[in-house]
Amino acid sequence: MTNRVSKRLVTFNKPFRLDSIERQWPAGDYTIETEEEPLDSKSLLAYRTICTTMILHPPSGKSGRHIFIEIEASELDQALLRDREEHGQSQSEGLSA
């Protein structure tokens, strides 16, 4: 069997950080690519994640290179959760004021 690759688009409403990278990333849309390999199992089809990559696109309407950064999927999930919690708080604060 061959490896499979999936892509998804994630959106950050505020600038964010990933624990393993000492840099703040701007708010916006990011493509996340995940590569998985099949496990050797005769009873069921299952996959194991090999690599998760965050793809940074050049600004809209500008030419430039895409940047590929290997990341930990768990760090991305935590950053997305923090972003959603902070975004939800700011929305509810705006409604009650």
PDB file of N, CA and C in Angstrom:
ATOM      1  N   MET A   1       0.833  -1.182   0.000  1.00  0.00           N
ATOM      2  CA  MET A   1       0.000   0.000   0.000  1.00  0.00           C
ATOM      3  C   MET A   1       0.878   1.247   0.000  1.00  0.00           C
ATOM      4  N   THR A   2       0.293   2.308  -0.475  1.00  0.00           N
ATOM      5  CA  THR A   2       1.039   3.562  -0.539  1.00  0.00           C
ATOM      6  C   THR A   2       0.582   4.508   0.558  1.00  0.00           C
ATOM      7  N   ASN A   3       1.426   5.483   0.822  1.00  0.00           N
ATOM      8  CA  ASN A   3       1.087   6.506   1.799  1.00  0.00           C
ATOM      9  C   ASN A   3      -0.045   7.367   1.261  1.00  0.00           C
ATOM     10  N   ARG A   4      -0.779   8.002   2.168  1.00  0.00           N
ATOM     11  CA  ARG A   4      -1.816   8.931   1.739  1.00  0.00           C
ATOM     12  C   ARG A   4      -1.501  10.309   2.298  1.00  0.00           C
ATOM     13  N   VAL A   5      -1.894  11.316   1.540  1.00  0.00           N
ATOM     14  CA  VAL A   5      -1.670  12.707   1.933  1.00  0.00           C
ATOM     15  C   VAL A   5      -3.019  13.414   1.937  1.00  0.00           C
ATOM     16  N   SER A   6      -3.291  14.130   3.015  1.00  0.00           N
ATOM     17  CA  SER A   6      -4.521  14.916   3.083  1.00  0.00           C
ATOM     18  C   SER A   6      -4.156  16.370   3.377  1.00  0.00           C
ATOM     19  N   LYS A   7      -5.011  17.264   2.895  1.00  0.00           N
ATOM     20  CA  LYS A   7      -4.809  18.695   3.129  1.00  0.00           C
ATOM     21  C   LYS A   7      -6.082  19.273   3.721  1.00  0.00           C
ATOM     22  N   ARG A   8      -5.889  20.256   4.605  1.00  0.00           N
ATOM     23  CA  ARG A   8      -7.029  20.980   5.150  1.00  0.00           C
ATOM     24  C   ARG A   8      -6.621  22.429   5.378  1.00  0.00           C
ATOM     25  N   LEU A   9      -7.589  23.288   5.388  1.00  0.00           N
ATOM     26  CA  LEU A   9      -7.356  24.707   5.604  1.00  0.00           C
ATOM     27  C   LEU A   9      -7.777  25.049   7.018  1.00  0.00           C
ATOM     28  N   VAL A  10      -6.891  25.689   7.769  1.00  0.00           N
ATOM     29  CA  VAL A  10      -7.239  26.160   9.111  1.00  0.00           C
ATOM     30  C   VAL A  10      -7.133  27.675   9.125  1.00  0.00           C
ATOM     31  N   THR A  11      -7.945  28.301   9.960  1.00  0.00           N
ATOM     32  CA  THR A  11      -7.958  29.752  10.055  1.00  0.00           C
ATOM     33  C   THR A  11      -7.677  30.177  11.491  1.00  0.00           C
ATOM     34  N   PHE A  12      -6.734  31.076  11.642  1.00  0.00           N
ATOM     35  CA  PHE A  12      -6.449  31.688  12.930  1.00  0.00           C
ATOM     36  C   PHE A  12      -6.992  33.108  12.899  1.00  0.00           C
ATOM     37  N   ASN A  13      -7.758  33.475  13.918  1.00  0.00           N
ATOM     38  CA  ASN A  13      -8.346  34.802  14.009  1.00  0.00           C
ATOM     39  C   ASN A  13      -7.389  35.823  14.598  1.00  0.00           C
ATOM     40  N   LYS A  14      -6.395  35.341  15.324  1.00  0.00           N
ATOM     41  CA  LYS A  14      -5.400  36.206  15.958  1.00  0.00           C
ATOM     42  C   LYS A  14      -4.016  35.634  15.692  1.00  0.00           C
ATOM     43  N   PRO A  15      -2.971  36.458  15.825  1.00  0.00           N
ATOM     44  CA  PRO A  15      -1.610  35.914  15.714  1.00  0.00           C
ATOM     45  C   PRO A  15      -1.439  34.766  16.712  1.00  0.00           C
ATOM     46  N   PHE A  16      -0.598  33.797  16.359  1.00  0.00           N
ATOM     47  CA  PHE A  16      -0.448  32.602  17.187  1.00  0.00           C
ATOM     48  C   PHE A  16       0.989  32.135  17.228  1.00  0.00           C
ATOM     49  N   ARG A  17       1.243  31.253  18.187  1.00  0.00           N
ATOM     50  CA  ARG A  17       2.561  30.625  18.345  1.00  0.00           C
ATOM     51  C   ARG A  17       2.387  29.120  18.453  1.00  0.00           C
ATOM     52  N   LEU A  18       3.405  28.413  18.002  1.00  0.00           N
ATOM     53  CA  LEU A  18       3.523  26.976  18.234  1.00  0.00           C
ATOM     54  C   LEU A  18       4.680  26.803  19.205  1.00  0.00           C
ATOM     55  N   ASP A  19       4.515  25.940  20.193  1.00  0.00           N
ATOM     56  CA  ASP A  19       5.500  25.815  21.267  1.00  0.00           C
ATOM     57  C   ASP A  19       6.917  25.530  20.778  1.00  0.00           C
ATOM     58  N   SER A  20       7.061  24.732  19.725  1.00  0.00           N
ATOM     59  CA  SER A  20       8.397  24.314  19.285  1.00  0.00           C
ATOM     60  C   SER A  20       9.059  25.323  18.335  1.00  0.00           C
ATOM     61  N   ILE A  21       8.336  26.368  17.932  1.00  0.00           N
ATOM     62  CA  ILE A  21       8.901  27.355  16.999  1.00  0.00           C
ATOM     63  C   ILE A  21       8.849  28.720  17.664  1.00  0.00           C
ATOM     64  N   GLU A  22      10.000  29.343  17.827  1.00  0.00           N
ATOM     65  CA  GLU A  22      10.064  30.631  18.505  1.00  0.00           C
ATOM     66  C   GLU A  22       9.765  31.765  17.539  1.00  0.00           C
ATOM     67  N   ARG A  23       8.515  31.801  17.105  1.00  0.00           N
ATOM     68  CA  ARG A  23       8.087  32.844  16.190  1.00  0.00           C
ATOM     69  C   ARG A  23       6.581  32.992  16.315  1.00  0.00           C
ATOM     70  N   GLN A  24       6.126  34.211  16.161  1.00  0.00           N
ATOM     71  CA  GLN A  24       4.686  34.438  16.137  1.00  0.00           C
ATOM     72  C   GLN A  24       4.245  34.489  14.678  1.00  0.00           C
ATOM     73  N   TRP A  25       3.158  33.791  14.371  1.00  0.00           N
ATOM     74  CA  TRP A  25       2.619  33.747  13.019  1.00  0.00           C
ATOM     75  C   TRP A  25       1.404  34.666  12.950  1.00  0.00           C
ATOM     76  N   PRO A  26       1.210  35.342  11.830  1.00  0.00           N
ATOM     77  CA  PRO A  26       0.067  36.250  11.727  1.00  0.00           C
ATOM     78  C   PRO A  26      -1.256  35.497  11.604  1.00  0.00           C
ATOM     79  N   ALA A  27      -2.331  36.179  11.970  1.00  0.00           N
ATOM     80  CA  ALA A  27      -3.669  35.625  11.774  1.00  0.00           C
ATOM     81  C   ALA A  27      -3.870  35.370  10.287  1.00  0.00           C
ATOM     82  N   GLY A  28      -4.702  34.397   9.964  1.00  0.00           N
ATOM     83  CA  GLY A  28      -4.983  34.108   8.559  1.00  0.00           C
ATOM     84  C   GLY A  28      -5.217  32.637   8.320  1.00  0.00           C
ATOM     85  N   ASP A  29      -5.258  32.287   7.040  1.00  0.00           N
ATOM     86  CA  ASP A  29      -5.502  30.908   6.618  1.00  0.00           C
ATOM     87  C   ASP A  29      -4.179  30.197   6.359  1.00  0.00           C
ATOM     88  N   TYR A  30      -4.114  28.952   6.801  1.00  0.00           N
ATOM     89  CA  TYR A  30      -2.925  28.124   6.610  1.00  0.00           C
ATOM     90  C   TYR A  30      -3.349  26.756   6.095  1.00  0.00           C
ATOM     91  N   THR A  31      -2.618  26.255   5.113  1.00  0.00           N
ATOM     92  CA  THR A  31      -2.853  24.908   4.619  1.00  0.00           C
ATOM     93  C   THR A  31      -2.033  23.949   5.469  1.00  0.00           C
ATOM     94  N   ILE A  32      -2.693  22.893   5.947  1.00  0.00           N
ATOM     95  CA  ILE A  32      -2.023  21.865   6.738  1.00  0.00           C
ATOM     96  C   ILE A  32      -2.050  20.574   5.931  1.00  0.00           C
ATOM     97  N   GLU A  33      -0.881  20.011   5.722  1.00  0.00           N
ATOM     98  CA  GLU A  33      -0.759  18.773   4.948  1.00  0.00           C
ATOM     99  C   GLU A  33      -0.289  17.671   5.890  1.00  0.00           C
ATOM    100  N   THR A  34      -0.986  16.539   5.859  1.00  0.00           N
ATOM    101  CA  THR A  34      -0.647  15.406   6.714  1.00  0.00           C
ATOM    102  C   THR A  34      -0.356  14.186   5.847  1.00  0.00           C
ATOM    103  N   GLU A  35       0.799  13.572   6.074  1.00  0.00           N
ATOM    104  CA  GLU A  35       1.159  12.346   5.363  1.00  0.00           C
ATOM    105  C   GLU A  35       1.066  11.185   6.348  1.00  0.00           C
ATOM    106  N   GLU A  36       0.401  10.120   5.902  1.00  0.00           N
ATOM    107  CA  GLU A  36       0.211   8.936   6.736  1.00  0.00           C
ATOM    108  C   GLU A  36       0.628   7.694   5.971  1.00  0.00           C
ATOM    109  N   GLU A  37       1.106   6.704   6.723  1.00  0.00           N
ATOM    110  CA  GLU A  37       1.463   5.427   6.118  1.00  0.00           C
ATOM    111  C   GLU A  37       0.554   4.338   6.671  1.00  0.00           C
ATOM    112  N   PRO A  38       0.238   3.346   5.862  1.00  0.00           N
ATOM    113  CA  PRO A  38      -0.621   2.260   6.354  1.00  0.00           C
ATOM    114  C   PRO A  38       0.128   1.385   7.346  1.00  0.00           C
ATOM    115  N   LEU A  39      -0.593   0.911   8.347  1.00  0.00           N
ATOM    116  CA  LEU A  39      -0.015  -0.024   9.318  1.00  0.00           C
ATOM    117  C   LEU A  39      -0.116  -1.436   8.762  1.00  0.00           C
ATOM    118  N   ASP A  40       0.808  -2.273   9.163  1.00  0.00           N
ATOM    119  CA  ASP A  40       0.761  -3.679   8.753  1.00  0.00           C
ATOM    120  C   ASP A  40      -0.254  -4.409   9.626  1.00  0.00           C
ATOM    121  N   SER A  41      -1.463  -4.481   9.142  1.00  0.00           N
ATOM    122  CA  SER A  41      -2.514  -5.165   9.882  1.00  0.00           C
ATOM    123  C   SER A  41      -3.411  -5.888   8.888  1.00  0.00           C
ATOM    124  N   LYS A  42      -3.632  -7.149   9.125  1.00  0.00           N
ATOM    125  CA  LYS A  42      -4.477  -7.920   8.223  1.00  0.00           C
ATOM    126  C   LYS A  42      -5.946  -7.830   8.608  1.00  0.00           C
ATOM    127  N   SER A  43      -6.222  -7.416   9.844  1.00  0.00           N
ATOM    128  CA  SER A  43      -7.609  -7.403  10.301  1.00  0.00           C
ATOM    129  C   SER A  43      -8.332  -6.073  10.049  1.00  0.00           C
ATOM    130  N   LEU A  44      -7.587  -4.963   9.928  1.00  0.00           N
ATOM    131  CA  LEU A  44      -8.232  -3.689   9.663  1.00  0.00           C
ATOM    132  C   LEU A  44      -7.271  -2.739   8.958  1.00  0.00           C
ATOM    133  N   LEU A  45      -7.836  -1.756   8.277  1.00  0.00           N
ATOM    134  CA  LEU A  45      -7.042  -0.747   7.590  1.00  0.00           C
ATOM    135  C   LEU A  45      -6.848   0.431   8.536  1.00  0.00           C
ATOM    136  N   ALA A  46      -5.610   0.720   8.868  1.00  0.00           N
ATOM    137  CA  ALA A  46      -5.306   1.817   9.780  1.00  0.00           C
ATOM    138  C   ALA A  46      -4.043   2.525   9.288  1.00  0.00           C
ATOM    139  N   TYR A  47      -3.930   3.797   9.650  1.00  0.00           N
ATOM    140  CA  TYR A  47      -2.797   4.602   9.225  1.00  0.00           C
ATOM    141  C   TYR A  47      -2.117   5.246  10.429  1.00  0.00           C
ATOM    142  N   ARG A  48      -0.832   5.554  10.247  1.00  0.00           N
ATOM    143  CA  ARG A  48      -0.035   6.251  11.255  1.00  0.00           C
ATOM    144  C   ARG A  48       0.499   7.523  10.613  1.00  0.00           C
ATOM    145  N   THR A  49       0.384   8.637  11.329  1.00  0.00           N
ATOM    146  CA  THR A  49       0.878   9.910  10.814  1.00  0.00           C
ATOM    147  C   THR A  49       2.401   9.904  10.791  1.00  0.00           C
ATOM    148  N   ILE A  50       2.944  10.255   9.646  1.00  0.00           N
ATOM    149  CA  ILE A  50       4.393  10.366   9.484  1.00  0.00           C
ATOM    150  C   ILE A  50       4.843  11.805   9.682  1.00  0.00           C
ATOM    151  N   CYS A  51       4.082  12.733   9.078  1.00  0.00           N
ATOM    152  CA  CYS A  51       4.521  14.117   9.039  1.00  0.00           C
ATOM    153  C   CYS A  51       3.321  15.058   8.910  1.00  0.00           C
ATOM    154  N   THR A  52       3.366  16.160   9.643  1.00  0.00           N
ATOM    155  CA  THR A  52       2.374  17.222   9.497  1.00  0.00           C
ATOM    156  C   THR A  52       3.130  18.485   9.117  1.00  0.00           C
ATOM    157  N   THR A  53       2.686  19.142   8.067  1.00  0.00           N
ATOM    158  CA  THR A  53       3.374  20.312   7.536  1.00  0.00           C
ATOM    159  C   THR A  53       2.421  21.492   7.438  1.00  0.00           C
ATOM    160  N   MET A  54       2.883  22.662   7.889  1.00  0.00           N
ATOM    161  CA  MET A  54       2.123  23.895   7.731  1.00  0.00           C
ATOM    162  C   MET A  54       2.698  24.617   6.517  1.00  0.00           C
ATOM    163  N   ILE A  55       1.828  24.982   5.580  1.00  0.00           N
ATOM    164  CA  ILE A  55       2.273  25.638   4.351  1.00  0.00           C
ATOM    165  C   ILE A  55       1.887  27.104   4.426  1.00  0.00           C
ATOM    166  N   LEU A  56       2.885  27.971   4.329  1.00  0.00           N
ATOM    167  CA  LEU A  56       2.652  29.413   4.336  1.00  0.00           C
ATOM    168  C   LEU A  56       2.667  29.903   2.892  1.00  0.00           C
ATOM    169  N   HIS A  57       1.582  30.536   2.499  1.00  0.00           N
ATOM    170  CA  HIS A  57       1.448  31.038   1.142  1.00  0.00           C
ATOM    171  C   HIS A  57       1.913  32.491   1.088  1.00  0.00           C
ATOM    172  N   PRO A  58       2.397  32.939  -0.073  1.00  0.00           N
ATOM    173  CA  PRO A  58       2.732  34.360  -0.189  1.00  0.00           C
ATOM    174  C   PRO A  58       1.461  35.194  -0.048  1.00  0.00           C
ATOM    175  N   PRO A  59       1.587  36.454   0.364  1.00  0.00           N
ATOM    176  CA  PRO A  59       0.402  37.302   0.503  1.00  0.00           C
ATOM    177  C   PRO A  59      -0.415  37.331  -0.789  1.00  0.00           C
ATOM    178  N   SER A  60      -1.711  37.454  -0.641  1.00  0.00           N
ATOM    179  CA  SER A  60      -2.627  37.458  -1.782  1.00  0.00           C
ATOM    180  C   SER A  60      -2.243  38.535  -2.787  1.00  0.00           C
ATOM    181  N   GLY A  61      -2.178  38.149  -4.047  1.00  0.00           N
ATOM    182  CA  GLY A  61      -1.851  39.082  -5.119  1.00  0.00           C
ATOM    183  C   GLY A  61      -0.372  39.359  -5.289  1.00  0.00           C
ATOM    184  N   LYS A  62       0.471  38.720  -4.481  1.00  0.00           N
ATOM    185  CA  LYS A  62       1.914  38.945  -4.576  1.00  0.00           C
ATOM    186  C   LYS A  62       2.605  37.644  -4.938  1.00  0.00           C
ATOM    187  N   SER A  63       3.676  37.771  -5.689  1.00  0.00           N
ATOM    188  CA  SER A  63       4.440  36.578  -6.020  1.00  0.00           C
ATOM    189  C   SER A  63       5.415  36.291  -4.879  1.00  0.00           C
ATOM    190  N   GLY A  64       5.810  35.067  -4.783  1.00  0.00           N
ATOM    191  CA  GLY A  64       6.732  34.672  -3.731  1.00  0.00           C
ATOM    192  C   GLY A  64       6.736  33.167  -3.588  1.00  0.00           C
ATOM    193  N   ARG A  65       7.535  32.704  -2.682  1.00  0.00           N
ATOM    194  CA  ARG A  65       7.654  31.264  -2.469  1.00  0.00           C
ATOM    195  C   ARG A  65       6.753  30.807  -1.337  1.00  0.00           C
ATOM    196  N   HIS A  66       6.293  29.584  -1.469  1.00  0.00           N
ATOM    197  CA  HIS A  66       5.585  28.933  -0.381  1.00  0.00           C
ATOM    198  C   HIS A  66       6.637  28.424   0.594  1.00  0.00           C
ATOM    199  N   ILE A  67       6.316  28.468   1.865  1.00  0.00           N
ATOM    200  CA  ILE A  67       7.228  27.982   2.892  1.00  0.00           C
ATOM    201  C   ILE A  67       6.577  26.768   3.556  1.00  0.00           C
ATOM    202  N   PHE A  68       7.325  25.688   3.678  1.00  0.00           N
ATOM    203  CA  PHE A  68       6.833  24.450   4.268  1.00  0.00           C
ATOM    204  C   PHE A  68       7.541  24.245   5.607  1.00  0.00           C
ATOM    205  N   ILE A  69       6.752  24.136   6.680  1.00  0.00           N
ATOM    206  CA  ILE A  69       7.316  23.989   8.014  1.00  0.00           C
ATOM    207  C   ILE A  69       6.729  22.735   8.654  1.00  0.00           C
ATOM    208  N   GLU A  70       7.594  21.802   9.025  1.00  0.00           N
ATOM    209  CA  GLU A  70       7.124  20.589   9.694  1.00  0.00           C
ATOM    210  C   GLU A  70       6.758  20.942  11.133  1.00  0.00           C
ATOM    211  N   ILE A  71       5.561  20.534  11.541  1.00  0.00           N
ATOM    212  CA  ILE A  71       5.059  20.869  12.875  1.00  0.00           C
ATOM    213  C   ILE A  71       4.511  19.623  13.553  1.00  0.00           C
ATOM    214  N   GLU A  72       4.257  19.741  14.844  1.00  0.00           N
ATOM    215  CA  GLU A  72       3.598  18.691  15.606  1.00  0.00           C
ATOM    216  C   GLU A  72       2.095  18.931  15.531  1.00  0.00           C
ATOM    217  N   ALA A  73       1.345  17.922  15.143  1.00  0.00           N
ATOM    218  CA  ALA A  73      -0.108  18.056  15.021  1.00  0.00           C
ATOM    219  C   ALA A  73      -0.741  18.459  16.347  1.00  0.00           C
ATOM    220  N   SER A  74      -0.232  17.938  17.451  1.00  0.00           N
ATOM    221  CA  SER A  74      -0.800  18.270  18.764  1.00  0.00           C
ATOM    222  C   SER A  74      -0.602  19.751  19.094  1.00  0.00           C
ATOM    223  N   GLU A  75       0.533  20.339  18.696  1.00  0.00           N
ATOM    224  CA  GLU A  75       0.765  21.767  18.930  1.00  0.00           C
ATOM    225  C   GLU A  75      -0.203  22.614  18.110  1.00  0.00           C
ATOM    226  N   LEU A  76      -0.448  22.192  16.882  1.00  0.00           N
ATOM    227  CA  LEU A  76      -1.407  22.904  16.037  1.00  0.00           C
ATOM    228  C   LEU A  76      -2.792  22.853  16.670  1.00  0.00           C
ATOM    229  N   ASP A  77      -3.199  21.684  17.127  1.00  0.00           N
ATOM    230  CA  ASP A  77      -4.511  21.539  17.758  1.00  0.00           C
ATOM    231  C   ASP A  77      -4.638  22.448  18.984  1.00  0.00           C
ATOM    232  N   GLN A  78      -3.582  22.528  19.790  1.00  0.00           N
ATOM    233  CA  GLN A  78      -3.605  23.387  20.975  1.00  0.00           C
ATOM    234  C   GLN A  78      -3.691  24.862  20.583  1.00  0.00           C
ATOM    235  N   ALA A  79      -2.939  25.259  19.564  1.00  0.00           N
ATOM    236  CA  ALA A  79      -2.967  26.655  19.116  1.00  0.00           C
ATOM    237  C   ALA A  79      -4.343  27.022  18.560  1.00  0.00           C
ATOM    238  N   LEU A  80      -4.958  26.110  17.812  1.00  0.00           N
ATOM    239  CA  LEU A  80      -6.308  26.356  17.289  1.00  0.00           C
ATOM    240  C   LEU A  80      -7.320  26.475  18.418  1.00  0.00           C
ATOM    241  N   LEU A  81      -7.199  25.635  19.440  1.00  0.00           N
ATOM    242  CA  LEU A  81      -8.100  25.696  20.577  1.00  0.00           C
ATOM    243  C   LEU A  81      -7.957  27.033  21.308  1.00  0.00           C
ATOM    244  N   ARG A  82      -6.722  27.462  21.546  1.00  0.00           N
ATOM    245  CA  ARG A  82      -6.495  28.763  22.204  1.00  0.00           C
ATOM    246  C   ARG A  82      -7.102  29.889  21.372  1.00  0.00           C
ATOM    247  N   ASP A  83      -6.910  29.834  20.054  1.00  0.00           N
ATOM    248  CA  ASP A  83      -7.440  30.877  19.167  1.00  0.00           C
ATOM    249  C   ASP A  83      -8.959  30.918  19.245  1.00  0.00           C
ATOM    250  N   ARG A  84      -9.597  29.771  19.228  1.00  0.00           N
ATOM    251  CA  ARG A  84     -11.065  29.719  19.295  1.00  0.00           C
ATOM    252  C   ARG A  84     -11.570  30.239  20.633  1.00  0.00           C
ATOM    253  N   GLU A  85     -10.887  29.859  21.718  1.00  0.00           N
ATOM    254  CA  GLU A  85     -11.300  30.318  23.040  1.00  0.00           C
ATOM    255  C   GLU A  85     -11.160  31.831  23.154  1.00  0.00           C
ATOM    256  N   GLU A  86     -10.027  32.378  22.694  1.00  0.00           N
ATOM    257  CA  GLU A  86      -9.808  33.825  22.756  1.00  0.00           C
ATOM    258  C   GLU A  86     -10.780  34.561  21.846  1.00  0.00           C
ATOM    259  N   HIS A  87     -11.032  34.018  20.669  1.00  0.00           N
ATOM    260  CA  HIS A  87     -11.957  34.659  19.727  1.00  0.00           C
ATOM    261  C   HIS A  87     -13.372  34.636  20.291  1.00  0.00           C
ATOM    262  N   GLY A  88     -13.758  33.543  20.903  1.00  0.00           N
ATOM    263  CA  GLY A  88     -15.086  33.439  21.506  1.00  0.00           C
ATOM    264  C   GLY A  88     -15.259  34.411  22.652  1.00  0.00           C
ATOM    265  N   GLN A  89     -14.202  34.594  23.459  1.00  0.00           N
ATOM    266  CA  GLN A  89     -14.267  35.543  24.573  1.00  0.00           C
ATOM    267  C   GLN A  89     -14.433  36.952  24.071  1.00  0.00           C
ATOM    268  N   SER A  90     -13.675  37.331  23.029  1.00  0.00           N
ATOM    269  CA  SER A  90     -13.768  38.703  22.532  1.00  0.00           C
ATOM    270  C   SER A  90     -15.130  38.955  21.903  1.00  0.00           C
ATOM    271  N   GLN A  91     -15.717  37.949  21.256  1.00  0.00           N
ATOM    272  CA  GLN A  91     -17.051  38.111  20.678  1.00  0.00           C
ATOM    273  C   GLN A  91     -18.084  38.281  21.787  1.00  0.00           C
ATOM    274  N   SER A  92     -18.020  37.466  22.841  1.00  0.00           N
ATOM    275  CA  SER A  92     -19.010  37.557  23.909  1.00  0.00           C
ATOM    276  C   SER A  92     -18.825  38.847  24.711  1.00  0.00           C
ATOM    277  N   GLU A  93     -17.585  39.299  24.864  1.00  0.00           N
ATOM    278  CA  GLU A  93     -17.350  40.567  25.564  1.00  0.00           C
ATOM    279  C   GLU A  93     -17.966  41.709  24.788  1.00  0.00           C
ATOM    280  N   GLY A  94     -17.846  41.669  23.455  1.00  0.00           N
ATOM    281  CA  GLY A  94     -18.420  42.717  22.610  1.00  0.00           C
ATOM    282  C   GLY A  94     -19.932  42.744  22.674  1.00  0.00           C
ATOM    283  N   LEU A  95     -20.550  41.576  22.858  1.00  0.00           N
ATOM    284  CA  LEU A  95     -22.001  41.496  22.914  1.00  0.00           C
ATOM    285  C   LEU A  95     -22.554  42.013  24.233  1.00  0.00           C
ATOM    286  N   SER A  96     -21.808  41.817  25.320  1.00  0.00           N
ATOM    287  CA  SER A  96     -22.318  42.215  26.622  1.00  0.00           C
ATOM    288  C   SER A  96     -22.023  43.672  26.953  1.00  0.00           C
ATOM    289  N   ALA A  97     -21.160  44.295  26.197  1.00  0.00           N
ATOM    290  CA  ALA A  97     -20.778  45.678  26.491  1.00  0.00           C
ATOM    291  C   ALA A  97     -21.761  46.673  25.954  1.00  0.00           C
TER     292      ALA A  97
END
